[in-house]
Amino acid sequence: MSSLDSNGVHTAPSTAEHPTAVPVASKRESLYPEATREIAEQRSRLAPGPASAFRAFSQSVFAEGALATKTKQLIAVAVAHVTQCPYCIRSHTRAALRQGASGEEIMEAIWVAAEMRAGGSYAHSALALDTIAHDPGAHASHVAETTGVRETGNNAPVRSTP
């Protein structure tokens, strides 16, 4: 159970008292400020041309077209999770719900994003494997030091004699 300190901020119990305790953050401690009309207006005041162009671009992208607006919003929810933008996650999840997406559809889109993100790591492992195969570097030195075998590059190990 959390308590309030003298400033009214939630504090978490010590982990010694409660080993599974998780710190509680108040709204004031949020990593991201709340998206407000004032922030949107400030963006427009500071850079009116780009702000206007971005709004027009966004409206054009999310308009009904070859893809239904609901589908576009589900794609946006998935991409927002890959880019890890909390504002985008919230706004596009709300927009997807307004377009009739179900919780199940939204969660499925998020799982597609998770698979694609994981798949990218898996696919890019080819770069590491290629480097291992073609750049002996420290790997060859380590193998030779620990096993007495040096790699010749043609998959024929040669035993080193000290």
C-alpha atoms as a PDB file:
ATOM      1  CA  MET A   1       0.000   0.000   0.000  1.00  0.00           C
ATOM      2  CA  SER A   2       1.358   3.439  -0.875  1.00  0.00           C
ATOM      3  CA  SER A   3       1.166   6.558   1.248  1.00  0.00           C
ATOM      4  CA  LEU A   4       1.435  10.278   0.583  1.00  0.00           C
ATOM      5  CA  ASP A   5       4.531  12.227   1.534  1.00  0.00           C
ATOM      6  CA  SER A   6       4.476  15.840   2.813  1.00  0.00           C
ATOM      7  CA  ASN A   7       4.129  17.086  -0.789  1.00  0.00           C
ATOM      8  CA  GLY A   8       1.141  14.859  -1.530  1.00  0.00           C
ATOM      9  CA  VAL A   9       3.193  12.544  -3.743  1.00  0.00           C
ATOM     10  CA  HIS A  10       2.527   8.807  -3.615  1.00  0.00           C
ATOM     11  CA  THR A  11       5.369   6.822  -2.092  1.00  0.00           C
ATOM     12  CA  ALA A  12       5.793   3.090  -2.320  1.00  0.00           C
ATOM     13  CA  PRO A  13       6.413   0.843   0.654  1.00  0.00           C
ATOM     14  CA  SER A  14       9.952  -0.383   1.069  1.00  0.00           C
ATOM     15  CA  THR A  15      10.803  -3.581  -0.710  1.00  0.00           C
ATOM     16  CA  ALA A  16      12.098  -4.929   2.605  1.00  0.00           C
ATOM     17  CA  GLU A  17       8.561  -4.639   4.060  1.00  0.00           C
ATOM     18  CA  HIS A  18       6.883  -5.785   0.834  1.00  0.00           C
ATOM     19  CA  PRO A  19       9.244  -7.668  -1.511  1.00  0.00           C
ATOM     20  CA  THR A  20       6.758  -7.409  -4.401  1.00  0.00           C
ATOM     21  CA  ALA A  21       6.088  -3.686  -3.948  1.00  0.00           C
ATOM     22  CA  VAL A  22       6.052  -1.585  -7.123  1.00  0.00           C
ATOM     23  CA  PRO A  23       6.602   2.184  -6.977  1.00  0.00           C
ATOM     24  CA  VAL A  24       3.460   4.233  -7.602  1.00  0.00           C
ATOM     25  CA  ALA A  25       3.820   7.317  -9.792  1.00  0.00           C
ATOM     26  CA  SER A  26       1.509  10.259  -9.413  1.00  0.00           C
ATOM     27  CA  LYS A  27       0.272  12.295 -12.377  1.00  0.00           C
ATOM     28  CA  ARG A  28       2.875  14.958 -11.539  1.00  0.00           C
ATOM     29  CA  GLU A  29       5.655  12.385 -11.864  1.00  0.00           C
ATOM     30  CA  SER A  30       4.573  11.175 -15.299  1.00  0.00           C
ATOM     31  CA  LEU A  31       7.385  10.772 -17.814  1.00  0.00           C
ATOM     32  CA  TYR A  32       5.190  12.360 -20.509  1.00  0.00           C
ATOM     33  CA  PRO A  33       3.134  15.509 -20.022  1.00  0.00           C
ATOM     34  CA  GLU A  34      -0.567  15.182 -20.687  1.00  0.00           C
ATOM     35  CA  ALA A  35      -1.561  16.017 -24.248  1.00  0.00           C
ATOM     36  CA  THR A  36      -3.553  19.226 -23.927  1.00  0.00           C
ATOM     37  CA  ARG A  37      -5.166  21.811 -26.185  1.00  0.00           C
ATOM     38  CA  GLU A  38      -2.620  24.327 -24.853  1.00  0.00           C
ATOM     39  CA  ILE A  39       0.286  22.200 -26.109  1.00  0.00           C
ATOM     40  CA  ALA A  40      -1.400  21.787 -29.507  1.00  0.00           C
ATOM     41  CA  GLU A  41      -1.973  25.555 -29.734  1.00  0.00           C
ATOM     42  CA  GLN A  42       1.640  26.243 -28.756  1.00  0.00           C
ATOM     43  CA  ARG A  43       2.869  23.934 -31.532  1.00  0.00           C
ATOM     44  CA  SER A  44       0.703  25.818 -34.028  1.00  0.00           C
ATOM     45  CA  ARG A  45       1.873  29.224 -32.772  1.00  0.00           C
ATOM     46  CA  LEU A  46       5.551  28.294 -32.893  1.00  0.00           C
ATOM     47  CA  ALA A  47       5.445  26.636 -36.332  1.00  0.00           C
ATOM     48  CA  PRO A  48       2.094  27.379 -38.010  1.00  0.00           C
ATOM     49  CA  GLY A  49       3.031  26.196 -41.520  1.00  0.00           C
ATOM     50  CA  PRO A  50       4.332  22.747 -40.582  1.00  0.00           C
ATOM     51  CA  ALA A  51       1.543  22.274 -38.021  1.00  0.00           C
ATOM     52  CA  SER A  52      -1.113  23.040 -40.630  1.00  0.00           C
ATOM     53  CA  ALA A  53       0.599  20.841 -43.226  1.00  0.00           C
ATOM     54  CA  PHE A  54       0.837  17.972 -40.755  1.00  0.00           C
ATOM     55  CA  ARG A  55      -2.874  18.219 -39.881  1.00  0.00           C
ATOM     56  CA  ALA A  56      -3.792  18.170 -43.581  1.00  0.00           C
ATOM     57  CA  PHE A  57      -1.433  15.232 -44.199  1.00  0.00           C
ATOM     58  CA  SER A  58      -2.902  13.296 -41.268  1.00  0.00           C
ATOM     59  CA  GLN A  59      -6.487  13.942 -42.406  1.00  0.00           C
ATOM     60  CA  SER A  60      -5.597  12.791 -45.913  1.00  0.00           C
ATOM     61  CA  VAL A  61      -3.851   9.629 -44.724  1.00  0.00           C
ATOM     62  CA  PHE A  62      -6.673   8.566 -42.407  1.00  0.00           C
ATOM     63  CA  ALA A  63      -9.523   9.381 -44.828  1.00  0.00           C
ATOM     64  CA  GLU A  64     -11.562   6.498 -46.231  1.00  0.00           C
ATOM     65  CA  GLY A  65      -9.825   5.109 -49.310  1.00  0.00           C
ATOM     66  CA  ALA A  66      -8.688   1.743 -50.614  1.00  0.00           C
ATOM     67  CA  LEU A  67      -8.345   0.829 -46.927  1.00  0.00           C
ATOM     68  CA  ALA A  68     -11.227   1.411 -44.552  1.00  0.00           C
ATOM     69  CA  THR A  69     -10.609   4.053 -41.880  1.00  0.00           C
ATOM     70  CA  LYS A  70     -10.969   1.376 -39.183  1.00  0.00           C
ATOM     71  CA  THR A  71      -8.214  -0.674 -40.830  1.00  0.00           C
ATOM     72  CA  LYS A  72      -5.978   2.389 -41.048  1.00  0.00           C
ATOM     73  CA  GLN A  73      -6.490   3.065 -37.344  1.00  0.00           C
ATOM     74  CA  LEU A  74      -5.676  -0.561 -36.477  1.00  0.00           C
ATOM     75  CA  ILE A  75      -2.472  -0.221 -38.499  1.00  0.00           C
ATOM     76  CA  ALA A  76      -1.738   3.021 -36.627  1.00  0.00           C
ATOM     77  CA  VAL A  77      -2.262   1.300 -33.262  1.00  0.00           C
ATOM     78  CA  ALA A  78       0.194  -1.418 -34.275  1.00  0.00           C
ATOM     79  CA  VAL A  79       2.786   1.063 -35.565  1.00  0.00           C
ATOM     80  CA  ALA A  80       2.376   3.219 -32.445  1.00  0.00           C
ATOM     81  CA  HIS A  81       3.369   0.214 -30.357  1.00  0.00           C
ATOM     82  CA  VAL A  82       6.446  -0.392 -32.527  1.00  0.00           C
ATOM     83  CA  THR A  83       7.479   3.278 -32.333  1.00  0.00           C
ATOM     84  CA  GLN A  84       6.522   3.237 -28.633  1.00  0.00           C
ATOM     85  CA  CYS A  85       4.770   6.588 -28.750  1.00  0.00           C
ATOM     86  CA  PRO A  86       2.399   6.771 -25.772  1.00  0.00           C
ATOM     87  CA  TYR A  87       0.461   9.668 -27.288  1.00  0.00           C
ATOM     88  CA  CYS A  88      -0.022   7.773 -30.553  1.00  0.00           C
ATOM     89  CA  ILE A  89      -1.028   4.599 -28.708  1.00  0.00           C
ATOM     90  CA  ARG A  90      -3.762   6.428 -26.825  1.00  0.00           C
ATOM     91  CA  SER A  91      -5.032   8.585 -29.683  1.00  0.00           C
ATOM     92  CA  HIS A  92      -5.091   5.847 -32.318  1.00  0.00           C
ATOM     93  CA  THR A  93      -6.615   3.320 -29.912  1.00  0.00           C
ATOM     94  CA  ARG A  94      -9.410   5.830 -29.230  1.00  0.00           C
ATOM     95  CA  ALA A  95      -9.792   6.491 -32.971  1.00  0.00           C
ATOM     96  CA  ALA A  96      -9.905   2.748 -33.714  1.00  0.00           C
ATOM     97  CA  LEU A  97     -12.612   2.287 -31.081  1.00  0.00           C
ATOM     98  CA  ARG A  98     -14.593   5.197 -32.580  1.00  0.00           C
ATOM     99  CA  GLN A  99     -14.312   3.502 -35.989  1.00  0.00           C
ATOM    100  CA  GLY A 100     -15.836   0.336 -34.535  1.00  0.00           C
ATOM    101  CA  ALA A 101     -12.754  -1.740 -33.765  1.00  0.00           C
ATOM    102  CA  SER A 102     -13.187  -4.243 -30.966  1.00  0.00           C
ATOM    103  CA  GLY A 103     -10.765  -4.805 -28.129  1.00  0.00           C
ATOM    104  CA  GLU A 104      -9.917  -8.150 -29.723  1.00  0.00           C
ATOM    105  CA  GLU A 105      -9.064  -6.495 -33.065  1.00  0.00           C
ATOM    106  CA  ILE A 106      -6.901  -3.896 -31.336  1.00  0.00           C
ATOM    107  CA  MET A 107      -5.035  -6.515 -29.306  1.00  0.00           C
ATOM    108  CA  GLU A 108      -4.536  -8.671 -32.405  1.00  0.00           C
ATOM    109  CA  ALA A 109      -3.049  -5.669 -34.233  1.00  0.00           C
ATOM    110  CA  ILE A 110      -0.688  -5.131 -31.285  1.00  0.00           C
ATOM    111  CA  TRP A 111       0.389  -8.794 -31.454  1.00  0.00           C
ATOM    112  CA  VAL A 112       1.089  -8.407 -35.182  1.00  0.00           C
ATOM    113  CA  ALA A 113       3.303  -5.428 -34.310  1.00  0.00           C
ATOM    114  CA  ALA A 114       5.078  -7.420 -31.595  1.00  0.00           C
ATOM    115  CA  GLU A 115       5.748 -10.284 -34.000  1.00  0.00           C
ATOM    116  CA  MET A 116       7.085  -7.908 -36.639  1.00  0.00           C
ATOM    117  CA  ARG A 117       9.362  -6.225 -34.105  1.00  0.00           C
ATOM    118  CA  ALA A 118      10.647  -9.599 -32.880  1.00  0.00           C
ATOM    119  CA  GLY A 119      10.873 -10.857 -36.451  1.00  0.00           C
ATOM    120  CA  GLY A 120      13.091  -7.927 -37.358  1.00  0.00           C
ATOM    121  CA  SER A 121      15.530  -8.884 -34.609  1.00  0.00           C
ATOM    122  CA  TYR A 122      15.463 -12.494 -35.748  1.00  0.00           C
ATOM    123  CA  ALA A 123      15.937 -11.583 -39.413  1.00  0.00           C
ATOM    124  CA  HIS A 124      18.754  -9.146 -38.657  1.00  0.00           C
ATOM    125  CA  SER A 125      20.617 -11.895 -36.802  1.00  0.00           C
ATOM    126  CA  ALA A 126      21.860 -12.746 -40.311  1.00  0.00           C
ATOM    127  CA  LEU A 127      24.115  -9.675 -40.015  1.00  0.00           C
ATOM    128  CA  ALA A 128      25.658 -10.964 -36.800  1.00  0.00           C
ATOM    129  CA  LEU A 129      26.030 -14.469 -38.249  1.00  0.00           C
ATOM    130  CA  ASP A 130      27.669 -13.055 -41.376  1.00  0.00           C
ATOM    131  CA  THR A 131      30.070 -11.026 -39.240  1.00  0.00           C
ATOM    132  CA  ILE A 132      30.907 -14.083 -37.124  1.00  0.00           C
ATOM    133  CA  ALA A 133      31.597 -16.098 -40.280  1.00  0.00           C
ATOM    134  CA  HIS A 134      33.713 -13.483 -42.054  1.00  0.00           C
ATOM    135  CA  ASP A 135      35.412 -11.407 -39.353  1.00  0.00           C
ATOM    136  CA  PRO A 136      37.528 -13.609 -37.114  1.00  0.00           C
ATOM    137  CA  GLY A 137      38.498 -10.686 -34.870  1.00  0.00           C
ATOM    138  CA  ALA A 138      38.463 -11.402 -31.170  1.00  0.00           C
ATOM    139  CA  HIS A 139      36.481 -14.614 -31.689  1.00  0.00           C
ATOM    140  CA  ALA A 140      39.404 -16.377 -33.406  1.00  0.00           C
ATOM    141  CA  SER A 141      41.865 -15.189 -30.785  1.00  0.00           C
ATOM    142  CA  HIS A 142      39.576 -16.362 -27.992  1.00  0.00           C
ATOM    143  CA  VAL A 143      39.043 -19.774 -29.621  1.00  0.00           C
ATOM    144  CA  ALA A 144      42.787 -20.218 -30.183  1.00  0.00           C
ATOM    145  CA  GLU A 145      43.613 -19.197 -26.610  1.00  0.00           C
ATOM    146  CA  THR A 146      41.023 -21.433 -24.980  1.00  0.00           C
ATOM    147  CA  THR A 147      41.206 -24.512 -27.225  1.00  0.00           C
ATOM    148  CA  GLY A 148      44.574 -24.405 -28.929  1.00  0.00           C
ATOM    149  CA  VAL A 149      42.710 -24.493 -32.255  1.00  0.00           C
ATOM    150  CA  ARG A 150      42.856 -21.667 -34.737  1.00  0.00           C
ATOM    151  CA  GLU A 151      40.375 -21.235 -37.543  1.00  0.00           C
ATOM    152  CA  THR A 152      41.791 -21.138 -41.053  1.00  0.00           C
ATOM    153  CA  GLY A 153      38.749 -19.603 -42.716  1.00  0.00           C
ATOM    154  CA  ASN A 154      38.062 -22.716 -44.789  1.00  0.00           C
ATOM    155  CA  ASN A 155      36.320 -24.557 -41.952  1.00  0.00           C
ATOM    156  CA  ALA A 156      39.427 -26.668 -41.376  1.00  0.00           C
ATOM    157  CA  PRO A 157      40.625 -26.118 -37.825  1.00  0.00           C
ATOM    158  CA  VAL A 158      44.358 -26.328 -37.307  1.00  0.00           C
ATOM    159  CA  ARG A 159      45.787 -27.344 -33.912  1.00  0.00           C
ATOM    160  CA  SER A 160      48.390 -24.925 -32.704  1.00  0.00           C
ATOM    161  CA  THR A 161      51.406 -26.344 -30.932  1.00  0.00           C
ATOM    162  CA  PRO A 162      52.846 -24.163 -28.229  1.00  0.00           C
END
